Protein backbone atom coordinates (compact mmCIF):
# COMPACT_ATOMS: atom_id res chain seq x y z
CA MET A 1 -28.78 1.40 -33.54
CA LYS A 2 -26.83 -1.58 -32.16
CA PRO A 3 -23.39 -0.97 -30.68
CA ASP A 4 -20.44 -2.20 -32.69
CA PRO A 5 -19.06 -5.30 -30.86
CA THR A 6 -15.55 -4.43 -32.02
CA ALA A 7 -15.81 -0.96 -30.48
CA LEU A 8 -17.02 -2.46 -27.18
CA GLU A 9 -14.14 -4.94 -27.16
CA GLN A 10 -11.71 -2.09 -27.81
CA LEU A 11 -13.23 -0.02 -25.03
CA SER A 12 -12.82 -2.90 -22.58
CA PHE A 13 -9.20 -3.32 -23.68
CA TYR A 14 -8.39 0.39 -23.31
CA LEU A 15 -10.09 0.68 -19.91
CA GLY A 16 -8.01 -2.28 -18.69
CA ARG A 17 -4.82 -0.74 -20.07
CA ALA A 18 -5.63 2.63 -18.43
CA TYR A 19 -6.18 0.94 -15.06
CA TYR A 20 -2.90 -1.01 -15.19
CA ASN A 21 -1.01 2.09 -16.31
CA TYR A 22 -2.48 3.98 -13.34
CA VAL A 23 -1.50 1.21 -10.88
CA GLY A 24 2.01 1.10 -12.36
CA LEU A 25 2.39 4.87 -12.04
CA LEU A 26 1.15 4.78 -8.46
CA GLU A 27 3.56 1.93 -7.57
CA ARG A 28 6.48 3.87 -9.08
CA GLU A 29 5.56 7.03 -7.16
CA LEU A 30 5.19 5.14 -3.89
CA ALA A 31 8.63 3.56 -4.49
CA ARG A 32 10.18 6.90 -5.41
CA SER A 33 8.90 8.47 -2.20
CA GLY A 34 9.83 5.48 -0.05
CA LEU A 35 6.24 4.84 0.93
CA ASP A 36 6.07 1.50 -0.89
CA LEU A 37 7.27 -0.19 2.29
CA HIS A 38 4.07 0.96 4.00
CA LEU A 39 1.40 1.52 1.34
CA ARG A 40 0.01 -0.39 -1.63
CA PRO A 41 -2.12 1.08 -4.41
CA GLY A 42 -5.32 -0.67 -3.22
CA MET A 43 -5.19 0.87 0.26
CA GLY A 44 -6.20 4.40 -0.71
CA HIS A 45 -9.95 4.20 -0.44
CA ALA A 46 -9.74 2.54 3.00
CA LEU A 47 -7.26 5.17 4.20
CA PHE A 48 -9.49 8.03 3.10
CA VAL A 49 -12.42 6.61 5.07
CA LEU A 50 -10.19 5.98 8.12
CA PHE A 51 -8.80 9.55 7.93
CA GLU A 52 -12.31 10.91 8.46
CA GLY A 53 -11.87 10.39 12.18
CA ASP A 54 -13.66 8.08 14.55
CA PRO A 55 -12.81 4.40 14.79
CA LEU A 56 -15.25 2.36 12.69
CA PRO A 57 -16.54 -1.17 12.96
CA ILE A 58 -15.41 -3.28 10.01
CA LYS A 59 -19.03 -3.56 8.82
CA THR A 60 -19.26 0.24 8.46
CA LEU A 61 -15.83 0.46 6.84
CA ALA A 62 -16.86 -2.27 4.39
CA ALA A 63 -20.03 -0.38 3.48
CA ARG A 64 -18.18 2.91 2.96
CA THR A 65 -15.38 1.41 0.90
CA ARG A 66 -17.59 -1.14 -0.89
CA LEU A 67 -15.09 -3.84 -0.07
CA SER A 68 -15.89 -7.17 1.55
CA PRO A 69 -15.07 -7.55 5.27
CA SER A 70 -12.66 -10.39 4.45
CA THR A 71 -10.77 -8.18 1.97
CA LEU A 72 -10.61 -5.40 4.55
CA THR A 73 -9.39 -7.73 7.29
CA GLY A 74 -6.36 -8.74 5.23
CA MET A 75 -5.73 -5.17 4.10
CA LEU A 76 -5.99 -3.77 7.64
CA ASP A 77 -3.62 -6.45 8.95
CA ARG A 78 -1.03 -5.46 6.31
CA MET A 79 -1.58 -1.77 7.05
CA GLU A 80 -1.13 -2.32 10.78
CA ARG A 81 2.15 -4.21 10.28
């Protein structure tokens, strides 16, 4: 049985809406707690890897977070400031 293209389009739409609602909620909670001056929603997965302990080379951090080294460089610069 072939998937209904309309259902797939709707799924894509609802997944996108869920993601943006999540990001909005996280931004509001960071602002409410005063952490929005220091943290952004996209920093979480890098922070969790960094909280594990030892300093990591950017190549290892990139592999563990599945982010590109250039993305991490910018993110780490913002986090450090």
